[in-house]
Amino acid sequence: YKSTLLASPYCPLTTHVLNTGMGVPGAHVALSMHRMDPSTSIWNLLTTGTTTDDGRCPGLITRENITPAFLPILVTNTSVVCVYLQIVFTITDHSQKFHVPLLCSRFSYTTYRGS
């Protein structure tokens, strides 16, 4: 299964949440993205979304809203074991595609820049 939104040039950032402890997708996980205002050092909300049944969140942000910046993805969900975490990354070239998977278990989580 490949969503057309995931392959869309207007969706430059994708994510996939997996509960590796249970071996299931991280379904219905609340996500939000913020951008830091360099003049105030305050994080401003850009967008919110929720993962699908398969743990993906297509269409989270559009290319127009991606600019070179530090961007955190905030994850909030008790059913995936992780109650709250923040993944902060930097975008220096907004024309690139970014895939930020999140692998969670009862005791830890990991993420990486995918392709």
PDB file of N, CA and C in Angstrom:
ATOM      1  N   TYR A   1       0.848  -1.180   0.000  1.00  0.00           N
ATOM      2  CA  TYR A   1       0.000   0.000   0.000  1.00  0.00           C
ATOM      3  C   TYR A   1       0.884   1.229   0.000  1.00  0.00           C
ATOM      4  N   LYS A   2       0.667   2.114  -0.943  1.00  0.00           N
ATOM      5  CA  LYS A   2       1.406   3.373  -0.982  1.00  0.00           C
ATOM      6  C   LYS A   2       0.415   4.492  -1.243  1.00  0.00           C
ATOM      7  N   SER A   3       0.278   5.354  -0.277  1.00  0.00           N
ATOM      8  CA  SER A   3      -0.655   6.460  -0.398  1.00  0.00           C
ATOM      9  C   SER A   3      -0.152   7.438  -1.452  1.00  0.00           C
ATOM     10  N   THR A   4      -1.050   8.021  -2.212  1.00  0.00           N
ATOM     11  CA  THR A   4      -0.646   9.028  -3.186  1.00  0.00           C
ATOM     12  C   THR A   4      -0.152  10.279  -2.481  1.00  0.00           C
ATOM     13  N   LEU A   5      -0.626  10.537  -1.276  1.00  0.00           N
ATOM     14  CA  LEU A   5      -0.136  11.691  -0.527  1.00  0.00           C
ATOM     15  C   LEU A   5       1.324  11.523  -0.142  1.00  0.00           C
ATOM     16  N   LEU A   6       1.740  10.293   0.170  1.00  0.00           N
ATOM     17  CA  LEU A   6       3.129  10.069   0.550  1.00  0.00           C
ATOM     18  C   LEU A   6       4.070  10.321  -0.609  1.00  0.00           C
ATOM     19  N   ALA A   7       3.630  10.074  -1.818  1.00  0.00           N
ATOM     20  CA  ALA A   7       4.479  10.258  -2.979  1.00  0.00           C
ATOM     21  C   ALA A   7       4.339  11.656  -3.567  1.00  0.00           C
ATOM     22  N   SER A   8       3.441  12.445  -3.053  1.00  0.00           N
ATOM     23  CA  SER A   8       3.163  13.755  -3.609  1.00  0.00           C
ATOM     24  C   SER A   8       4.330  14.713  -3.405  1.00  0.00           C
ATOM     25  N   PRO A   9       4.645  15.530  -4.427  1.00  0.00           N
ATOM     26  CA  PRO A   9       5.696  16.525  -4.248  1.00  0.00           C
ATOM     27  C   PRO A   9       5.281  17.621  -3.280  1.00  0.00           C
ATOM     28  N   TYR A  10       4.009  17.714  -2.953  1.00  0.00           N
ATOM     29  CA  TYR A  10       3.518  18.732  -2.028  1.00  0.00           C
ATOM     30  C   TYR A  10       3.556  18.269  -0.582  1.00  0.00           C
ATOM     31  N   CYS A  11       4.041  17.068  -0.349  1.00  0.00           N
ATOM     32  CA  CYS A  11       4.167  16.530   1.004  1.00  0.00           C
ATOM     33  C   CYS A  11       5.639  16.166   1.227  1.00  0.00           C
ATOM     34  N   PRO A  12       6.475  17.139   1.559  1.00  0.00           N
ATOM     35  CA  PRO A  12       7.919  16.901   1.629  1.00  0.00           C
ATOM     36  C   PRO A  12       8.374  16.163   2.879  1.00  0.00           C
ATOM     37  N   LEU A  13       7.492  15.999   3.865  1.00  0.00           N
ATOM     38  CA  LEU A  13       7.878  15.330   5.092  1.00  0.00           C
ATOM     39  C   LEU A  13       6.900  14.207   5.384  1.00  0.00           C
ATOM     40  N   THR A  14       7.435  13.011   5.579  1.00  0.00           N
ATOM     41  CA  THR A  14       6.596  11.882   5.959  1.00  0.00           C
ATOM     42  C   THR A  14       7.131  11.301   7.260  1.00  0.00           C
ATOM     43  N   THR A  15       6.273  10.614   7.956  1.00  0.00           N
ATOM     44  CA  THR A  15       6.680   9.947   9.182  1.00  0.00           C
ATOM     45  C   THR A  15       5.943   8.620   9.285  1.00  0.00           C
ATOM     46  N   HIS A  16       6.510   7.713  10.050  1.00  0.00           N
ATOM     47  CA  HIS A  16       5.908   6.402  10.251  1.00  0.00           C
ATOM     48  C   HIS A  16       6.213   6.001  11.690  1.00  0.00           C
ATOM     49  N   VAL A  17       5.195   5.820  12.496  1.00  0.00           N
ATOM     50  CA  VAL A  17       5.359   5.462  13.899  1.00  0.00           C
ATOM     51  C   VAL A  17       5.091   3.969  14.042  1.00  0.00           C
ATOM     52  N   LEU A  18       6.037   3.256  14.649  1.00  0.00           N
ATOM     53  CA  LEU A  18       5.903   1.817  14.857  1.00  0.00           C
ATOM     54  C   LEU A  18       6.128   1.481  16.320  1.00  0.00           C
ATOM     55  N   ASN A  19       5.266   0.647  16.868  1.00  0.00           N
ATOM     56  CA  ASN A  19       5.428   0.131  18.223  1.00  0.00           C
ATOM     57  C   ASN A  19       6.196  -1.179  18.081  1.00  0.00           C
ATOM     58  N   THR A  20       7.517  -1.113  18.207  1.00  0.00           N
ATOM     59  CA  THR A  20       8.344  -2.298  17.991  1.00  0.00           C
ATOM     60  C   THR A  20       8.205  -3.310  19.117  1.00  0.00           C
ATOM     61  N   GLY A  21       7.802  -2.877  20.292  1.00  0.00           N
ATOM     62  CA  GLY A  21       7.595  -3.804  21.396  1.00  0.00           C
ATOM     63  C   GLY A  21       6.423  -4.734  21.156  1.00  0.00           C
ATOM     64  N   MET A  22       5.392  -4.221  20.517  1.00  0.00           N
ATOM     65  CA  MET A  22       4.191  -5.012  20.229  1.00  0.00           C
ATOM     66  C   MET A  22       4.190  -5.520  18.789  1.00  0.00           C
ATOM     67  N   GLY A  23       5.064  -4.969  17.949  1.00  0.00           N
ATOM     68  CA  GLY A  23       5.107  -5.370  16.552  1.00  0.00           C
ATOM     69  C   GLY A  23       3.928  -4.857  15.735  1.00  0.00           C
ATOM     70  N   VAL A  24       3.442  -3.662  16.093  1.00  0.00           N
ATOM     71  CA  VAL A  24       2.284  -3.097  15.400  1.00  0.00           C
ATOM     72  C   VAL A  24       2.559  -1.627  15.054  1.00  0.00           C
ATOM     73  N   PRO A  25       1.804  -1.084  14.096  1.00  0.00           N
ATOM     74  CA  PRO A  25       1.936   0.338  13.791  1.00  0.00           C
ATOM     75  C   PRO A  25       1.467   1.194  14.967  1.00  0.00           C
ATOM     76  N   GLY A  26       1.995   2.388  15.048  1.00  0.00           N
ATOM     77  CA  GLY A  26       1.560   3.365  16.053  1.00  0.00           C
ATOM     78  C   GLY A  26       0.341   4.110  15.530  1.00  0.00           C
ATOM     79  N   ALA A  27      -0.810   3.503  15.650  1.00  0.00           N
ATOM     80  CA  ALA A  27      -2.047   4.074  15.115  1.00  0.00           C
ATOM     81  C   ALA A  27      -2.588   5.163  16.038  1.00  0.00           C
ATOM     82  N   HIS A  28      -3.148   6.190  15.432  1.00  0.00           N
ATOM     83  CA  HIS A  28      -3.861   7.265  16.129  1.00  0.00           C
ATOM     84  C   HIS A  28      -2.966   8.029  17.103  1.00  0.00           C
ATOM     85  N   VAL A  29      -1.725   8.266  16.695  1.00  0.00           N
ATOM     86  CA  VAL A  29      -0.782   9.029  17.504  1.00  0.00           C
ATOM     87  C   VAL A  29      -0.888  10.497  17.100  1.00  0.00           C
ATOM     88  N   ALA A  30      -1.047  11.372  18.079  1.00  0.00           N
ATOM     89  CA  ALA A  30      -1.131  12.812  17.815  1.00  0.00           C
ATOM     90  C   ALA A  30       0.267  13.366  17.556  1.00  0.00           C
ATOM     91  N   LEU A  31       0.410  14.127  16.468  1.00  0.00           N
ATOM     92  CA  LEU A  31       1.678  14.750  16.107  1.00  0.00           C
ATOM     93  C   LEU A  31       1.461  16.246  15.931  1.00  0.00           C
ATOM     94  N   SER A  32       2.462  17.016  16.237  1.00  0.00           N
ATOM     95  CA  SER A  32       2.419  18.440  15.917  1.00  0.00           C
ATOM     96  C   SER A  32       3.808  18.883  15.498  1.00  0.00           C
ATOM     97  N   MET A  33       3.844  19.871  14.615  1.00  0.00           N
ATOM     98  CA  MET A  33       5.114  20.423  14.151  1.00  0.00           C
ATOM     99  C   MET A  33       5.163  21.896  14.496  1.00  0.00           C
ATOM    100  N   HIS A  34       6.346  22.337  14.889  1.00  0.00           N
ATOM    101  CA  HIS A  34       6.553  23.724  15.291  1.00  0.00           C
ATOM    102  C   HIS A  34       7.794  24.271  14.601  1.00  0.00           C
ATOM    103  N   ARG A  35       7.869  25.575  14.481  1.00  0.00           N
ATOM    104  CA  ARG A  35       9.054  26.245  13.948  1.00  0.00           C
ATOM    105  C   ARG A  35       9.503  27.279  14.979  1.00  0.00           C
ATOM    106  N   MET A  36      10.820  27.337  15.216  1.00  0.00           N
ATOM    107  CA  MET A  36      11.328  28.308  16.168  1.00  0.00           C
ATOM    108  C   MET A  36      11.452  29.675  15.503  1.00  0.00           C
ATOM    109  N   ASP A  37      10.899  30.675  16.167  1.00  0.00           N
ATOM    110  CA  ASP A  37      11.059  32.057  15.731  1.00  0.00           C
ATOM    111  C   ASP A  37      12.443  32.514  16.179  1.00  0.00           C
ATOM    112  N   PRO A  38      13.349  32.806  15.240  1.00  0.00           N
ATOM    113  CA  PRO A  38      14.722  33.147  15.635  1.00  0.00           C
ATOM    114  C   PRO A  38      14.834  34.440  16.434  1.00  0.00           C
ATOM    115  N   SER A  39      13.869  35.326  16.302  1.00  0.00           N
ATOM    116  CA  SER A  39      13.956  36.586  17.044  1.00  0.00           C
ATOM    117  C   SER A  39      13.524  36.452  18.500  1.00  0.00           C
ATOM    118  N   THR A  40      12.673  35.456  18.794  1.00  0.00           N
ATOM    119  CA  THR A  40      12.174  35.301  20.167  1.00  0.00           C
ATOM    120  C   THR A  40      12.556  33.971  20.798  1.00  0.00           C
ATOM    121  N   SER A  41      13.071  33.030  19.985  1.00  0.00           N
ATOM    122  CA  SER A  41      13.382  31.663  20.437  1.00  0.00           C
ATOM    123  C   SER A  41      12.144  30.939  20.978  1.00  0.00           C
ATOM    124  N   ILE A  42      10.989  31.284  20.441  1.00  0.00           N
ATOM    125  CA  ILE A  42       9.729  30.647  20.824  1.00  0.00           C
ATOM    126  C   ILE A  42       9.289  29.724  19.695  1.00  0.00           C
ATOM    127  N   TRP A  43       8.829  28.517  20.078  1.00  0.00           N
ATOM    128  CA  TRP A  43       8.318  27.557  19.102  1.00  0.00           C
ATOM    129  C   TRP A  43       6.891  27.922  18.749  1.00  0.00           C
ATOM    130  N   ASN A  44       6.612  28.093  17.455  1.00  0.00           N
ATOM    131  CA  ASN A  44       5.269  28.410  16.966  1.00  0.00           C
ATOM    132  C   ASN A  44       4.687  27.201  16.240  1.00  0.00           C
ATOM    133  N   LEU A  45       3.438  26.891  16.535  1.00  0.00           N
ATOM    134  CA  LEU A  45       2.763  25.752  15.934  1.00  0.00           C
ATOM    135  C   LEU A  45       2.589  25.962  14.431  1.00  0.00           C
ATOM    136  N   LEU A  46       2.995  24.948  13.641  1.00  0.00           N
ATOM    137  CA  LEU A  46       2.798  24.971  12.190  1.00  0.00           C
ATOM    138  C   LEU A  46       1.598  24.133  11.780  1.00  0.00           C
ATOM    139  N   THR A  47       1.515  22.919  12.341  1.00  0.00           N
ATOM    140  CA  THR A  47       0.473  22.002  11.918  1.00  0.00           C
ATOM    141  C   THR A  47       0.317  20.877  12.939  1.00  0.00           C
ATOM    142  N   THR A  48      -0.809  20.210  12.875  1.00  0.00           N
ATOM    143  CA  THR A  48      -1.040  19.032  13.709  1.00  0.00           C
ATOM    144  C   THR A  48      -1.571  17.921  12.820  1.00  0.00           C
ATOM    145  N   GLY A  49      -1.465  16.710  13.294  1.00  0.00           N
ATOM    146  CA  GLY A  49      -1.981  15.568  12.557  1.00  0.00           C
ATOM    147  C   GLY A  49      -2.088  14.364  13.471  1.00  0.00           C
ATOM    148  N   THR A  50      -2.661  13.309  12.955  1.00  0.00           N
ATOM    149  CA  THR A  50      -2.813  12.048  13.675  1.00  0.00           C
ATOM    150  C   THR A  50      -2.452  10.920  12.732  1.00  0.00           C
ATOM    151  N   THR A  51      -1.712   9.943  13.231  1.00  0.00           N
ATOM    152  CA  THR A  51      -1.335   8.830  12.374  1.00  0.00           C
ATOM    153  C   THR A  51      -2.557   7.978  12.022  1.00  0.00           C
ATOM    154  N   THR A  52      -2.469   7.349  10.878  1.00  0.00           N
ATOM    155  CA  THR A  52      -3.522   6.459  10.395  1.00  0.00           C
ATOM    156  C   THR A  52      -3.402   5.104  11.096  1.00  0.00           C
ATOM    157  N   ASP A  53      -4.255   4.177  10.730  1.00  0.00           N
ATOM    158  CA  ASP A  53      -4.203   2.834  11.301  1.00  0.00           C
ATOM    159  C   ASP A  53      -2.856   2.150  11.056  1.00  0.00           C
ATOM    160  N   ASP A  54      -2.180   2.522   9.958  1.00  0.00           N
ATOM    161  CA  ASP A  54      -0.881   1.913   9.664  1.00  0.00           C
ATOM    162  C   ASP A  54       0.300   2.741  10.201  1.00  0.00           C
ATOM    163  N   GLY A  55       0.026   3.741  11.044  1.00  0.00           N
ATOM    164  CA  GLY A  55       1.087   4.493  11.708  1.00  0.00           C
ATOM    165  C   GLY A  55       1.689   5.622  10.897  1.00  0.00           C
ATOM    166  N   ARG A  56       1.093   5.950   9.764  1.00  0.00           N
ATOM    167  CA  ARG A  56       1.627   7.025   8.922  1.00  0.00           C
ATOM    168  C   ARG A  56       0.786   8.290   9.068  1.00  0.00           C
ATOM    169  N   CYS A  57       1.401   9.410   8.749  1.00  0.00           N
ATOM    170  CA  CYS A  57       0.684  10.682   8.831  1.00  0.00           C
ATOM    171  C   CYS A  57       0.906  11.451   7.526  1.00  0.00           C
ATOM    172  N   PRO A  58       0.217  11.036   6.456  1.00  0.00           N
ATOM    173  CA  PRO A  58       0.412  11.702   5.170  1.00  0.00           C
ATOM    174  C   PRO A  58      -0.140  13.124   5.186  1.00  0.00           C
ATOM    175  N   GLY A  59       0.522  13.990   4.439  1.00  0.00           N
ATOM    176  CA  GLY A  59       0.031  15.357   4.315  1.00  0.00           C
ATOM    177  C   GLY A  59       0.220  16.204   5.548  1.00  0.00           C
ATOM    178  N   LEU A  60       1.176  15.855   6.411  1.00  0.00           N
ATOM    179  CA  LEU A  60       1.366  16.598   7.658  1.00  0.00           C
ATOM    180  C   LEU A  60       1.729  18.059   7.400  1.00  0.00           C
ATOM    181  N   ILE A  61       2.550  18.306   6.384  1.00  0.00           N
ATOM    182  CA  ILE A  61       2.953  19.682   6.097  1.00  0.00           C
ATOM    183  C   ILE A  61       3.151  19.827   4.597  1.00  0.00           C
ATOM    184  N   THR A  62       2.906  21.002   4.082  1.00  0.00           N
ATOM    185  CA  THR A  62       3.076  21.256   2.655  1.00  0.00           C
ATOM    186  C   THR A  62       4.453  21.840   2.382  1.00  0.00           C
ATOM    187  N   ARG A  63       4.874  21.741   1.145  1.00  0.00           N
ATOM    188  CA  ARG A  63       6.180  22.293   0.752  1.00  0.00           C
ATOM    189  C   ARG A  63       6.234  23.803   1.030  1.00  0.00           C
ATOM    190  N   GLU A  64       5.126  24.488   0.871  1.00  0.00           N
ATOM    191  CA  GLU A  64       5.093  25.933   1.102  1.00  0.00           C
ATOM    192  C   GLU A  64       5.405  26.290   2.553  1.00  0.00           C
ATOM    193  N   ASN A  65       5.093  25.381   3.476  1.00  0.00           N
ATOM    194  CA  ASN A  65       5.338  25.640   4.900  1.00  0.00           C
ATOM    195  C   ASN A  65       6.698  25.159   5.385  1.00  0.00           C
ATOM    196  N   ILE A  66       7.459  24.506   4.505  1.00  0.00           N
ATOM    197  CA  ILE A  66       8.803  24.061   4.876  1.00  0.00           C
ATOM    198  C   ILE A  66       9.787  25.142   4.474  1.00  0.00           C
ATOM    199  N   THR A  67      10.515  25.651   5.440  1.00  0.00           N
ATOM    200  CA  THR A  67      11.592  26.603   5.181  1.00  0.00           C
ATOM    201  C   THR A  67      12.791  26.149   5.996  1.00  0.00           C
ATOM    202  N   PRO A  68      13.984  26.599   5.633  1.00  0.00           N
ATOM    203  CA  PRO A  68      15.138  26.224   6.456  1.00  0.00           C
ATOM    204  C   PRO A  68      14.903  26.642   7.906  1.00  0.00           C
ATOM    205  N   ALA A  69      14.910  25.667   8.801  1.00  0.00           N
ATOM    206  CA  ALA A  69      14.606  25.944  10.207  1.00  0.00           C
ATOM    207  C   ALA A  69      14.822  24.687  11.034  1.00  0.00           C
ATOM    208  N   PHE A  70      14.843  24.875  12.362  1.00  0.00           N
ATOM    209  CA  PHE A  70      14.763  23.751  13.285  1.00  0.00           C
ATOM    210  C   PHE A  70      13.288  23.407  13.409  1.00  0.00           C
ATOM    211  N   LEU A  71      12.956  22.143  13.228  1.00  0.00           N
ATOM    212  CA  LEU A  71      11.561  21.730  13.319  1.00  0.00           C
ATOM    213  C   LEU A  71      11.438  20.543  14.259  1.00  0.00           C
ATOM    214  N   PRO A  72      10.677  20.677  15.319  1.00  0.00           N
ATOM    215  CA  PRO A  72      10.422  19.488  16.138  1.00  0.00           C
ATOM    216  C   PRO A  72       9.104  18.839  15.737  1.00  0.00           C
ATOM    217  N   ILE A  73       9.072  17.530  15.862  1.00  0.00           N
ATOM    218  CA  ILE A  73       7.807  16.802  15.791  1.00  0.00           C
ATOM    219  C   ILE A  73       7.510  16.376  17.219  1.00  0.00           C
ATOM    220  N   LEU A  74       6.393  16.796  17.746  1.00  0.00           N
ATOM    221  CA  LEU A  74       5.990  16.422  19.093  1.00  0.00           C
ATOM    222  C   LEU A  74       5.020  15.266  18.991  1.00  0.00           C
ATOM    223  N   VAL A  75       5.272  14.228  19.763  1.00  0.00           N
ATOM    224  CA  VAL A  75       4.466  13.016  19.719  1.00  0.00           C
ATOM    225  C   VAL A  75       3.805  12.828  21.067  1.00  0.00           C
ATOM    226  N   THR A  76       2.492  12.672  21.072  1.00  0.00           N
ATOM    227  CA  THR A  76       1.763  12.465  22.309  1.00  0.00           C
ATOM    228  C   THR A  76       0.802  11.305  22.143  1.00  0.00           C
ATOM    229  N   ASN A  77       1.031  10.235  22.907  1.00  0.00           N
ATOM    230  CA  ASN A  77       0.105   9.100  22.840  1.00  0.00           C
ATOM    231  C   ASN A  77       0.499   8.086  23.905  1.00  0.00           C
ATOM    232  N   THR A  78      -0.450   7.634  24.666  1.00  0.00           N
ATOM    233  CA  THR A  78      -0.133   6.652  25.696  1.00  0.00           C
ATOM    234  C   THR A  78      -0.229   5.226  25.190  1.00  0.00           C
ATOM    235  N   SER A  79      -0.916   4.986  24.072  1.00  0.00           N
ATOM    236  CA  SER A  79      -1.065   3.611  23.594  1.00  0.00           C
ATOM    237  C   SER A  79       0.178   3.096  22.877  1.00  0.00           C
ATOM    238  N   VAL A  80       1.093   3.974  22.521  1.00  0.00           N
ATOM    239  CA  VAL A  80       2.321   3.548  21.851  1.00  0.00           C
ATOM    240  C   VAL A  80       3.459   3.454  22.864  1.00  0.00           C
ATOM    241  N   VAL A  81       3.170   3.573  24.113  1.00  0.00           N
ATOM    242  CA  VAL A  81       4.118   3.478  25.214  1.00  0.00           C
ATOM    243  C   VAL A  81       4.777   4.818  25.472  1.00  0.00           C
ATOM    244  N   CYS A  82       5.261   5.492  24.437  1.00  0.00           N
ATOM    245  CA  CYS A  82       5.858   6.815  24.623  1.00  0.00           C
ATOM    246  C   CYS A  82       4.726   7.786  24.963  1.00  0.00           C
ATOM    247  N   VAL A  83       4.806   8.434  26.081  1.00  0.00           N
ATOM    248  CA  VAL A  83       3.765   9.373  26.453  1.00  0.00           C
ATOM    249  C   VAL A  83       3.977  10.699  25.746  1.00  0.00           C
ATOM    250  N   TYR A  84       5.215  11.156  25.694  1.00  0.00           N
ATOM    251  CA  TYR A  84       5.527  12.429  25.042  1.00  0.00           C
ATOM    252  C   TYR A  84       6.989  12.411  24.645  1.00  0.00           C
ATOM    253  N   LEU A  85       7.275  12.820  23.446  1.00  0.00           N
ATOM    254  CA  LEU A  85       8.664  13.007  23.051  1.00  0.00           C
ATOM    255  C   LEU A  85       8.746  14.056  21.969  1.00  0.00           C
ATOM    256  N   GLN A  86       9.921  14.584  21.813  1.00  0.00           N
ATOM    257  CA  GLN A  86      10.154  15.653  20.856  1.00  0.00           C
ATOM    258  C   GLN A  86      11.338  15.261  19.976  1.00  0.00           C
ATOM    259  N   ILE A  87      11.135  15.276  18.676  1.00  0.00           N
ATOM    260  CA  ILE A  87      12.196  14.998  17.717  1.00  0.00           C
ATOM    261  C   ILE A  87      12.512  16.321  17.031  1.00  0.00           C
ATOM    262  N   VAL A  88      13.700  16.838  17.248  1.00  0.00           N
ATOM    263  CA  VAL A  88      14.083  18.122  16.662  1.00  0.00           C
ATOM    264  C   VAL A  88      15.088  17.872  15.553  1.00  0.00           C
ATOM    265  N   PHE A  89      14.838  18.444  14.399  1.00  0.00           N
ATOM    266  CA  PHE A  89      15.758  18.307  13.275  1.00  0.00           C
ATOM    267  C   PHE A  89      15.827  19.627  12.538  1.00  0.00           C
ATOM    268  N   THR A  90      16.833  19.762  11.701  1.00  0.00           N
ATOM    269  CA  THR A  90      17.052  20.997  10.957  1.00  0.00           C
ATOM    270  C   THR A  90      16.843  20.747   9.471  1.00  0.00           C
ATOM    271  N   ILE A  91      16.130  21.643   8.855  1.00  0.00           N
ATOM    272  CA  ILE A  91      15.980  21.614   7.403  1.00  0.00           C
ATOM    273  C   ILE A  91      16.813  22.760   6.845  1.00  0.00           C
ATOM    274  N   THR A  92      17.774  22.413   6.001  1.00  0.00           N
ATOM    275  CA  THR A  92      18.599  23.440   5.363  1.00  0.00           C
ATOM    276  C   THR A  92      18.255  23.606   3.892  1.00  0.00           C
ATOM    277  N   ASP A  93      17.673  22.591   3.293  1.00  0.00           N
ATOM    278  CA  ASP A  93      17.282  22.646   1.892  1.00  0.00           C
ATOM    279  C   ASP A  93      15.826  22.212   1.792  1.00  0.00           C
ATOM    280  N   HIS A  94      14.928  23.186   1.688  1.00  0.00           N
ATOM    281  CA  HIS A  94      13.495  22.869   1.700  1.00  0.00           C
ATOM    282  C   HIS A  94      13.025  22.138   0.452  1.00  0.00           C
ATOM    283  N   SER A  95      13.888  21.979  -0.540  1.00  0.00           N
ATOM    284  CA  SER A  95      13.479  21.241  -1.734  1.00  0.00           C
ATOM    285  C   SER A  95      13.662  19.734  -1.559  1.00  0.00           C
ATOM    286  N   GLN A  96      14.341  19.313  -0.485  1.00  0.00           N
ATOM    287  CA  GLN A  96      14.540  17.888  -0.237  1.00  0.00           C
ATOM    288  C   GLN A  96      13.304  17.249   0.377  1.00  0.00           C
ATOM    289  N   LYS A  97      13.227  15.936   0.269  1.00  0.00           N
ATOM    290  CA  LYS A  97      12.173  15.161   0.930  1.00  0.00           C
ATOM    291  C   LYS A  97      12.747  14.602   2.226  1.00  0.00           C
ATOM    292  N   PHE A  98      11.944  14.600   3.274  1.00  0.00           N
ATOM    293  CA  PHE A  98      12.369  14.108   4.583  1.00  0.00           C
ATOM    294  C   PHE A  98      11.424  13.016   5.045  1.00  0.00           C
ATOM    295  N   HIS A  99      12.007  11.918   5.524  1.00  0.00           N
ATOM    296  CA  HIS A  99      11.212  10.853   6.141  1.00  0.00           C
ATOM    297  C   HIS A  99      11.771  10.656   7.540  1.00  0.00           C
ATOM    298  N   VAL A 100      10.928  10.838   8.545  1.00  0.00           N
ATOM    299  CA  VAL A 100      11.348  10.751   9.943  1.00  0.00           C
ATOM    300  C   VAL A 100      10.534   9.661  10.629  1.00  0.00           C
ATOM    301  N   PRO A 101      11.031   8.409  10.602  1.00  0.00           N
ATOM    302  CA  PRO A 101      10.320   7.330  11.284  1.00  0.00           C
ATOM    303  C   PRO A 101      10.581   7.358  12.790  1.00  0.00           C
ATOM    304  N   LEU A 102       9.648   6.827  13.531  1.00  0.00           N
ATOM    305  CA  LEU A 102       9.783   6.728  14.987  1.00  0.00           C
ATOM    306  C   LEU A 102       9.492   5.290  15.389  1.00  0.00           C
ATOM    307  N   LEU A 103      10.466   4.650  16.003  1.00  0.00           N
ATOM    308  CA  LEU A 103      10.319   3.281  16.483  1.00  0.00           C
ATOM    309  C   LEU A 103      10.254   3.327  18.007  1.00  0.00           C
ATOM    310  N   CYS A 104       9.162   2.861  18.583  1.00  0.00           N
ATOM    311  CA  CYS A 104       8.952   2.922  20.033  1.00  0.00           C
ATOM    312  C   CYS A 104       8.849   1.519  20.622  1.00  0.00           C
ATOM    313  N   SER A 105       9.332   1.393  21.827  1.00  0.00           N
ATOM    314  CA  SER A 105       9.085   0.187  22.609  1.00  0.00           C
ATOM    315  C   SER A 105       8.757   0.637  24.029  1.00  0.00           C
ATOM    316  N   ARG A 106       8.580  -0.302  24.904  1.00  0.00           N
ATOM    317  CA  ARG A 106       8.229   0.022  26.284  1.00  0.00           C
ATOM    318  C   ARG A 106       9.336   0.789  26.993  1.00  0.00           C
ATOM    319  N   PHE A 107      10.573   0.558  26.594  1.00  0.00           N
ATOM    320  CA  PHE A 107      11.696   1.128  27.322  1.00  0.00           C
ATOM    321  C   PHE A 107      12.491   2.180  26.565  1.00  0.00           C
ATOM    322  N   SER A 108      12.240   2.327  25.271  1.00  0.00           N
ATOM    323  CA  SER A 108      13.062   3.266  24.519  1.00  0.00           C
ATOM    324  C   SER A 108      12.380   3.656  23.217  1.00  0.00           C
ATOM    325  N   TYR A 109      13.005   4.588  22.525  1.00  0.00           N
ATOM    326  CA  TYR A 109      12.572   4.937  21.177  1.00  0.00           C
ATOM    327  C   TYR A 109      13.808   5.299  20.373  1.00  0.00           C
ATOM    328  N   THR A 110      13.676   5.246  19.068  1.00  0.00           N
ATOM    329  CA  THR A 110      14.757   5.658  18.189  1.00  0.00           C
ATOM    330  C   THR A 110      14.138   6.256  16.944  1.00  0.00           C
ATOM    331  N   THR A 111      14.881   7.110  16.298  1.00  0.00           N
ATOM    332  CA  THR A 111      14.450   7.720  15.045  1.00  0.00           C
ATOM    333  C   THR A 111      15.681   7.901  14.180  1.00  0.00           C
ATOM    334  N   TYR A 112      15.473   8.134  12.933  1.00  0.00           N
ATOM    335  CA  TYR A 112      16.573   8.368  11.998  1.00  0.00           C
ATOM    336  C   TYR A 112      15.999   9.086  10.792  1.00  0.00           C
ATOM    337  N   ARG A 113      16.874   9.602   9.963  1.00  0.00           N
ATOM    338  CA  ARG A 113      16.400  10.207   8.720  1.00  0.00           C
ATOM    339  C   ARG A 113      16.339   9.126   7.667  1.00  0.00           C
ATOM    340  N   GLY A 114      15.143   8.805   7.269  1.00  0.00           N
ATOM    341  CA  GLY A 114      14.948   7.792   6.246  1.00  0.00           C
ATOM    342  C   GLY A 114      14.983   8.395   4.857  1.00  0.00           C
ATOM    343  N   SER A 115      14.618   7.589   3.891  1.00  0.00           N
ATOM    344  CA  SER A 115      14.620   8.073   2.507  1.00  0.00           C
ATOM    345  C   SER A 115      13.214   8.106   1.950  1.00  0.00           C
TER     346      SER A 115
END
